[in-house]
Amino acid sequence: MSGNVLEWCHSLSKSYPYKAGDGREDSQADGLRVLRGGAFVNDEGDVRCADRLGYSPLGGNFVVGFRVVVAPGFL
């Protein structure tokens, strides 16, 4: 999973600890969204699933993407 692209996440970029009621899951809110993981251009310390950073949802880059998951029985 790590090392392919930085993965877009739904959550707004806010500090830990996670607080469900702090508005970070509001899809209509303005602000930076979380990118997780690391891309093939990152240093080895940054290519891990727990690595995260805030990024503008209007920004684009060749190392930013998303993953598609299909679970058996979901279709």
PDB file of N, CA and C in Angstrom:
ATOM      1  N   MET A   1       0.812  -1.194   0.000  1.00  0.00           N
ATOM      2  CA  MET A   1       0.000   0.000   0.000  1.00  0.00           C
ATOM      3  C   MET A   1       0.859   1.263   0.000  1.00  0.00           C
ATOM      4  N   SER A   2       1.955   1.242   0.701  1.00  0.00           N
ATOM      5  CA  SER A   2       2.789   2.442   0.772  1.00  0.00           C
ATOM      6  C   SER A   2       3.719   2.520  -0.425  1.00  0.00           C
ATOM      7  N   GLY A   3       4.022   3.733  -0.802  1.00  0.00           N
ATOM      8  CA  GLY A   3       4.993   3.943  -1.863  1.00  0.00           C
ATOM      9  C   GLY A   3       4.396   4.134  -3.233  1.00  0.00           C
ATOM     10  N   ASN A   4       3.099   3.984  -3.380  1.00  0.00           N
ATOM     11  CA  ASN A   4       2.465   4.166  -4.677  1.00  0.00           C
ATOM     12  C   ASN A   4       2.106   5.639  -4.865  1.00  0.00           C
ATOM     13  N   VAL A   5       1.092   6.105  -4.189  1.00  0.00           N
ATOM     14  CA  VAL A   5       0.690   7.516  -4.211  1.00  0.00           C
ATOM     15  C   VAL A   5       0.280   7.927  -2.802  1.00  0.00           C
ATOM     16  N   LEU A   6       0.249   9.227  -2.544  1.00  0.00           N
ATOM     17  CA  LEU A   6      -0.349   9.746  -1.316  1.00  0.00           C
ATOM     18  C   LEU A   6      -1.864   9.620  -1.480  1.00  0.00           C
ATOM     19  N   GLU A   7      -2.518   9.026  -0.524  1.00  0.00           N
ATOM     20  CA  GLU A   7      -3.947   8.705  -0.642  1.00  0.00           C
ATOM     21  C   GLU A   7      -4.823   9.800  -0.034  1.00  0.00           C
ATOM     22  N   TRP A   8      -5.780  10.299  -0.845  1.00  0.00           N
ATOM     23  CA  TRP A   8      -6.758  11.265  -0.342  1.00  0.00           C
ATOM     24  C   TRP A   8      -7.619  10.623   0.722  1.00  0.00           C
ATOM     25  N   CYS A   9      -7.910  11.342   1.777  1.00  0.00           N
ATOM     26  CA  CYS A   9      -8.853  10.911   2.800  1.00  0.00           C
ATOM     27  C   CYS A   9      -9.945  11.972   2.929  1.00  0.00           C
ATOM     28  N   HIS A  10     -11.052  11.597   3.471  1.00  0.00           N
ATOM     29  CA  HIS A  10     -12.207  12.480   3.607  1.00  0.00           C
ATOM     30  C   HIS A  10     -12.000  13.537   4.684  1.00  0.00           C
ATOM     31  N   SER A  11     -11.260  13.218   5.729  1.00  0.00           N
ATOM     32  CA  SER A  11     -11.138  14.071   6.910  1.00  0.00           C
ATOM     33  C   SER A  11     -10.388  15.368   6.655  1.00  0.00           C
ATOM     34  N   LEU A  12     -10.848  16.423   7.336  1.00  0.00           N
ATOM     35  CA  LEU A  12     -10.085  17.661   7.378  1.00  0.00           C
ATOM     36  C   LEU A  12      -8.819  17.420   8.186  1.00  0.00           C
ATOM     37  N   SER A  13      -7.777  18.129   7.864  1.00  0.00           N
ATOM     38  CA  SER A  13      -6.510  17.989   8.575  1.00  0.00           C
ATOM     39  C   SER A  13      -6.605  18.711   9.913  1.00  0.00           C
ATOM     40  N   LYS A  14      -6.700  17.937  10.979  1.00  0.00           N
ATOM     41  CA  LYS A  14      -6.756  18.476  12.346  1.00  0.00           C
ATOM     42  C   LYS A  14      -5.815  17.648  13.202  1.00  0.00           C
ATOM     43  N   SER A  15      -5.401  18.207  14.324  1.00  0.00           N
ATOM     44  CA  SER A  15      -4.433  17.520  15.175  1.00  0.00           C
ATOM     45  C   SER A  15      -5.067  16.345  15.917  1.00  0.00           C
ATOM     46  N   TYR A  16      -4.224  15.443  16.366  1.00  0.00           N
ATOM     47  CA  TYR A  16      -4.643  14.335  17.212  1.00  0.00           C
ATOM     48  C   TYR A  16      -4.729  14.823  18.639  1.00  0.00           C
ATOM     49  N   PRO A  17      -5.489  14.199  19.520  1.00  0.00           N
ATOM     50  CA  PRO A  17      -6.226  12.977  19.279  1.00  0.00           C
ATOM     51  C   PRO A  17      -7.501  13.222  18.473  1.00  0.00           C
ATOM     52  N   TYR A  18      -7.950  12.174  17.817  1.00  0.00           N
ATOM     53  CA  TYR A  18      -9.156  12.231  17.000  1.00  0.00           C
ATOM     54  C   TYR A  18     -10.359  12.511  17.891  1.00  0.00           C
ATOM     55  N   LYS A  19     -11.162  13.483  17.492  1.00  0.00           N
ATOM     56  CA  LYS A  19     -12.405  13.805  18.188  1.00  0.00           C
ATOM     57  C   LYS A  19     -13.512  13.817  17.147  1.00  0.00           C
ATOM     58  N   ALA A  20     -14.400  12.857  17.211  1.00  0.00           N
ATOM     59  CA  ALA A  20     -15.427  12.677  16.183  1.00  0.00           C
ATOM     60  C   ALA A  20     -16.309  13.903  15.995  1.00  0.00           C
ATOM     61  N   GLY A  21     -16.561  14.668  17.030  1.00  0.00           N
ATOM     62  CA  GLY A  21     -17.480  15.793  16.943  1.00  0.00           C
ATOM     63  C   GLY A  21     -16.816  17.129  16.623  1.00  0.00           C
ATOM     64  N   ASP A  22     -15.562  17.130  16.207  1.00  0.00           N
ATOM     65  CA  ASP A  22     -14.867  18.398  15.988  1.00  0.00           C
ATOM     66  C   ASP A  22     -15.013  18.954  14.575  1.00  0.00           C
ATOM     67  N   GLY A  23     -15.837  18.321  13.745  1.00  0.00           N
ATOM     68  CA  GLY A  23     -16.106  18.825  12.402  1.00  0.00           C
ATOM     69  C   GLY A  23     -15.164  18.330  11.323  1.00  0.00           C
ATOM     70  N   ARG A  24     -14.228  17.478  11.670  1.00  0.00           N
ATOM     71  CA  ARG A  24     -13.260  17.016  10.669  1.00  0.00           C
ATOM     72  C   ARG A  24     -13.878  16.117   9.603  1.00  0.00           C
ATOM     73  N   GLU A  25     -15.042  15.570   9.848  1.00  0.00           N
ATOM     74  CA  GLU A  25     -15.700  14.704   8.860  1.00  0.00           C
ATOM     75  C   GLU A  25     -16.759  15.440   8.047  1.00  0.00           C
ATOM     76  N   ASP A  26     -16.850  16.745   8.184  1.00  0.00           N
ATOM     77  CA  ASP A  26     -17.816  17.557   7.452  1.00  0.00           C
ATOM     78  C   ASP A  26     -17.344  17.719   6.001  1.00  0.00           C
ATOM     79  N   SER A  27     -18.028  17.093   5.076  1.00  0.00           N
ATOM     80  CA  SER A  27     -17.598  17.121   3.668  1.00  0.00           C
ATOM     81  C   SER A  27     -17.812  18.485   3.014  1.00  0.00           C
ATOM     82  N   GLN A  28     -18.603  19.349   3.632  1.00  0.00           N
ATOM     83  CA  GLN A  28     -18.857  20.670   3.074  1.00  0.00           C
ATOM     84  C   GLN A  28     -17.924  21.750   3.637  1.00  0.00           C
ATOM     85  N   ALA A  29     -17.159  21.424   4.663  1.00  0.00           N
ATOM     86  CA  ALA A  29     -16.290  22.400   5.318  1.00  0.00           C
ATOM     87  C   ALA A  29     -15.075  22.722   4.453  1.00  0.00           C
ATOM     88  N   ASP A  30     -14.625  23.956   4.536  1.00  0.00           N
ATOM     89  CA  ASP A  30     -13.408  24.376   3.847  1.00  0.00           C
ATOM     90  C   ASP A  30     -12.190  24.003   4.687  1.00  0.00           C
ATOM     91  N   GLY A  31     -11.098  23.764   4.018  1.00  0.00           N
ATOM     92  CA  GLY A  31      -9.849  23.483   4.727  1.00  0.00           C
ATOM     93  C   GLY A  31      -9.057  22.394   4.037  1.00  0.00           C
ATOM     94  N   LEU A  32      -7.880  22.164   4.568  1.00  0.00           N
ATOM     95  CA  LEU A  32      -7.004  21.129   4.027  1.00  0.00           C
ATOM     96  C   LEU A  32      -7.554  19.750   4.365  1.00  0.00           C
ATOM     97  N   ARG A  33      -7.443  18.828   3.422  1.00  0.00           N
ATOM     98  CA  ARG A  33      -7.853  17.440   3.651  1.00  0.00           C
ATOM     99  C   ARG A  33      -6.611  16.592   3.885  1.00  0.00           C
ATOM    100  N   VAL A  34      -6.798  15.462   4.519  1.00  0.00           N
ATOM    101  CA  VAL A  34      -5.681  14.595   4.877  1.00  0.00           C
ATOM    102  C   VAL A  34      -5.235  13.764   3.675  1.00  0.00           C
ATOM    103  N   LEU A  35      -3.925  13.705   3.514  1.00  0.00           N
ATOM    104  CA  LEU A  35      -3.291  12.742   2.614  1.00  0.00           C
ATOM    105  C   LEU A  35      -2.543  11.758   3.494  1.00  0.00           C
ATOM    106  N   ARG A  36      -2.651  10.485   3.195  1.00  0.00           N
ATOM    107  CA  ARG A  36      -1.968   9.455   3.993  1.00  0.00           C
ATOM    108  C   ARG A  36      -1.015   8.644   3.122  1.00  0.00           C
ATOM    109  N   GLY A  37      -0.086   8.028   3.816  1.00  0.00           N
ATOM    110  CA  GLY A  37       0.860   7.155   3.139  1.00  0.00           C
ATOM    111  C   GLY A  37       2.021   7.938   2.577  1.00  0.00           C
ATOM    112  N   GLY A  38       2.631   7.408   1.567  1.00  0.00           N
ATOM    113  CA  GLY A  38       3.760   8.063   0.936  1.00  0.00           C
ATOM    114  C   GLY A  38       3.825   7.677  -0.520  1.00  0.00           C
ATOM    115  N   ALA A  39       4.476   8.491  -1.295  1.00  0.00           N
ATOM    116  CA  ALA A  39       4.597   8.237  -2.724  1.00  0.00           C
ATOM    117  C   ALA A  39       6.005   7.764  -3.053  1.00  0.00           C
ATOM    118  N   PHE A  40       6.174   7.327  -4.250  1.00  0.00           N
ATOM    119  CA  PHE A  40       7.457   6.779  -4.686  1.00  0.00           C
ATOM    120  C   PHE A  40       8.580   7.804  -4.680  1.00  0.00           C
ATOM    121  N   VAL A  41       8.265   9.071  -4.579  1.00  0.00           N
ATOM    122  CA  VAL A  41       9.297  10.107  -4.550  1.00  0.00           C
ATOM    123  C   VAL A  41       9.681  10.521  -3.126  1.00  0.00           C
ATOM    124  N   ASN A  42       9.002   9.989  -2.110  1.00  0.00           N
ATOM    125  CA  ASN A  42       9.282  10.344  -0.722  1.00  0.00           C
ATOM    126  C   ASN A  42      10.485   9.575  -0.172  1.00  0.00           C
ATOM    127  N   ASP A  43      11.063  10.141   0.896  1.00  0.00           N
ATOM    128  CA  ASP A  43      12.108   9.434   1.627  1.00  0.00           C
ATOM    129  C   ASP A  43      11.498   8.230   2.316  1.00  0.00           C
ATOM    130  N   GLU A  44      12.326   7.239   2.639  1.00  0.00           N
ATOM    131  CA  GLU A  44      11.809   5.999   3.206  1.00  0.00           C
ATOM    132  C   GLU A  44      11.070   6.209   4.531  1.00  0.00           C
ATOM    133  N   GLY A  45      11.439   7.210   5.320  1.00  0.00           N
ATOM    134  CA  GLY A  45      10.734   7.477   6.570  1.00  0.00           C
ATOM    135  C   GLY A  45       9.329   8.017   6.367  1.00  0.00           C
ATOM    136  N   ASP A  46       9.055   8.564   5.196  1.00  0.00           N
ATOM    137  CA  ASP A  46       7.736   9.124   4.908  1.00  0.00           C
ATOM    138  C   ASP A  46       6.834   8.157   4.145  1.00  0.00           C
ATOM    139  N   VAL A  47       7.361   7.025   3.741  1.00  0.00           N
ATOM    140  CA  VAL A  47       6.561   6.049   2.990  1.00  0.00           C
ATOM    141  C   VAL A  47       6.050   4.995   3.966  1.00  0.00           C
ATOM    142  N   ARG A  48       5.014   5.380   4.700  1.00  0.00           N
ATOM    143  CA  ARG A  48       4.380   4.476   5.653  1.00  0.00           C
ATOM    144  C   ARG A  48       2.925   4.878   5.805  1.00  0.00           C
ATOM    145  N   CYS A  49       2.085   3.932   6.131  1.00  0.00           N
ATOM    146  CA  CYS A  49       0.645   4.186   6.193  1.00  0.00           C
ATOM    147  C   CYS A  49       0.272   5.226   7.239  1.00  0.00           C
ATOM    148  N   ALA A  50       1.041   5.339   8.317  1.00  0.00           N
ATOM    149  CA  ALA A  50       0.713   6.275   9.385  1.00  0.00           C
ATOM    150  C   ALA A  50       1.122   7.711   9.066  1.00  0.00           C
ATOM    151  N   ASP A  51       1.895   7.922   8.026  1.00  0.00           N
ATOM    152  CA  ASP A  51       2.316   9.270   7.671  1.00  0.00           C
ATOM    153  C   ASP A  51       1.114  10.036   7.124  1.00  0.00           C
ATOM    154  N   ARG A  52       0.943  11.280   7.541  1.00  0.00           N
ATOM    155  CA  ARG A  52      -0.197  12.069   7.084  1.00  0.00           C
ATOM    156  C   ARG A  52       0.199  13.530   6.987  1.00  0.00           C
ATOM    157  N   LEU A  53      -0.482  14.241   6.095  1.00  0.00           N
ATOM    158  CA  LEU A  53      -0.274  15.672   5.954  1.00  0.00           C
ATOM    159  C   LEU A  53      -1.525  16.305   5.396  1.00  0.00           C
ATOM    160  N   GLY A  54      -1.641  17.630   5.555  1.00  0.00           N
ATOM    161  CA  GLY A  54      -2.777  18.368   5.017  1.00  0.00           C
ATOM    162  C   GLY A  54      -2.472  18.864   3.617  1.00  0.00           C
ATOM    163  N   TYR A  55      -3.461  18.821   2.738  1.00  0.00           N
ATOM    164  CA  TYR A  55      -3.268  19.220   1.346  1.00  0.00           C
ATOM    165  C   TYR A  55      -4.559  19.833   0.833  1.00  0.00           C
ATOM    166  N   SER A  56      -4.441  20.827   0.005  1.00  0.00           N
ATOM    167  CA  SER A  56      -5.624  21.484  -0.539  1.00  0.00           C
ATOM    168  C   SER A  56      -6.393  20.544  -1.458  1.00  0.00           C
ATOM    169  N   PRO A  57      -7.713  20.452  -1.286  1.00  0.00           N
ATOM    170  CA  PRO A  57      -8.506  19.603  -2.179  1.00  0.00           C
ATOM    171  C   PRO A  57      -8.534  20.123  -3.615  1.00  0.00           C
ATOM    172  N   LEU A  58      -8.103  21.362  -3.817  1.00  0.00           N
ATOM    173  CA  LEU A  58      -8.045  21.921  -5.164  1.00  0.00           C
ATOM    174  C   LEU A  58      -6.697  21.658  -5.832  1.00  0.00           C
ATOM    175  N   GLY A  59      -5.762  21.166  -5.061  1.00  0.00           N
ATOM    176  CA  GLY A  59      -4.430  20.891  -5.599  1.00  0.00           C
ATOM    177  C   GLY A  59      -4.370  19.548  -6.306  1.00  0.00           C
ATOM    178  N   GLY A  60      -3.448  19.431  -7.180  1.00  0.00           N
ATOM    179  CA  GLY A  60      -3.234  18.171  -7.874  1.00  0.00           C
ATOM    180  C   GLY A  60      -1.753  17.919  -8.020  1.00  0.00           C
ATOM    181  N   ASN A  61      -1.393  16.682  -8.160  1.00  0.00           N
ATOM    182  CA  ASN A  61       0.004  16.328  -8.241  1.00  0.00           C
ATOM    183  C   ASN A  61       0.082  14.897  -8.763  1.00  0.00           C
ATOM    184  N   PHE A  62       1.178  14.542  -9.392  1.00  0.00           N
ATOM    185  CA  PHE A  62       1.292  13.193  -9.933  1.00  0.00           C
ATOM    186  C   PHE A  62       1.523  12.145  -8.851  1.00  0.00           C
ATOM    187  N   VAL A  63       1.730  12.561  -7.604  1.00  0.00           N
ATOM    188  CA  VAL A  63       1.903  11.600  -6.516  1.00  0.00           C
ATOM    189  C   VAL A  63       0.689  11.561  -5.589  1.00  0.00           C
ATOM    190  N   VAL A  64      -0.412  12.235  -5.958  1.00  0.00           N
ATOM    191  CA  VAL A  64      -1.626  12.261  -5.156  1.00  0.00           C
ATOM    192  C   VAL A  64      -2.705  11.470  -5.884  1.00  0.00           C
ATOM    193  N   GLY A  65      -3.370  10.583  -5.175  1.00  0.00           N
ATOM    194  CA  GLY A  65      -4.402   9.765  -5.800  1.00  0.00           C
ATOM    195  C   GLY A  65      -5.354   9.189  -4.769  1.00  0.00           C
ATOM    196  N   PHE A  66      -6.001   8.107  -5.128  1.00  0.00           N
ATOM    197  CA  PHE A  66      -6.909   7.427  -4.220  1.00  0.00           C
ATOM    198  C   PHE A  66      -6.879   5.953  -4.550  1.00  0.00           C
ATOM    199  N   ARG A  67      -7.404   5.152  -3.631  1.00  0.00           N
ATOM    200  CA  ARG A  67      -7.460   3.708  -3.846  1.00  0.00           C
ATOM    201  C   ARG A  67      -8.913   3.288  -3.993  1.00  0.00           C
ATOM    202  N   VAL A  68      -9.148   2.317  -4.830  1.00  0.00           N
ATOM    203  CA  VAL A  68     -10.475   1.760  -5.022  1.00  0.00           C
ATOM    204  C   VAL A  68     -10.476   0.367  -4.408  1.00  0.00           C
ATOM    205  N   VAL A  69     -11.437   0.127  -3.536  1.00  0.00           N
ATOM    206  CA  VAL A  69     -11.539  -1.159  -2.863  1.00  0.00           C
ATOM    207  C   VAL A  69     -12.863  -1.800  -3.206  1.00  0.00           C
ATOM    208  N   VAL A  70     -12.818  -3.049  -3.578  1.00  0.00           N
ATOM    209  CA  VAL A  70     -14.036  -3.819  -3.820  1.00  0.00           C
ATOM    210  C   VAL A  70     -13.994  -5.015  -2.872  1.00  0.00           C
ATOM    211  N   ALA A  71     -14.993  -5.098  -2.021  1.00  0.00           N
ATOM    212  CA  ALA A  71     -15.064  -6.208  -1.076  1.00  0.00           C
ATOM    213  C   ALA A  71     -16.001  -7.279  -1.627  1.00  0.00           C
ATOM    214  N   PRO A  72     -15.663  -8.561  -1.429  1.00  0.00           N
ATOM    215  CA  PRO A  72     -16.548  -9.640  -1.881  1.00  0.00           C
ATOM    216  C   PRO A  72     -17.936  -9.480  -1.291  1.00  0.00           C
ATOM    217  N   GLY A  73     -18.954  -9.632  -2.095  1.00  0.00           N
ATOM    218  CA  GLY A  73     -20.333  -9.523  -1.648  1.00  0.00           C
ATOM    219  C   GLY A  73     -20.845  -8.088  -1.557  1.00  0.00           C
ATOM    220  N   PHE A  74     -19.990  -7.111  -1.867  1.00  0.00           N
ATOM    221  CA  PHE A  74     -20.404  -5.716  -1.758  1.00  0.00           C
ATOM    222  C   PHE A  74     -21.127  -5.260  -3.013  1.00  0.00           C
ATOM    223  N   LEU A  75     -20.807  -5.817  -4.143  1.00  0.00           N
ATOM    224  CA  LEU A  75     -21.405  -5.383  -5.395  1.00  0.00           C
ATOM    225  C   LEU A  75     -22.833  -5.869  -5.549  1.00  0.00           C
TER     226      LEU A  75
END
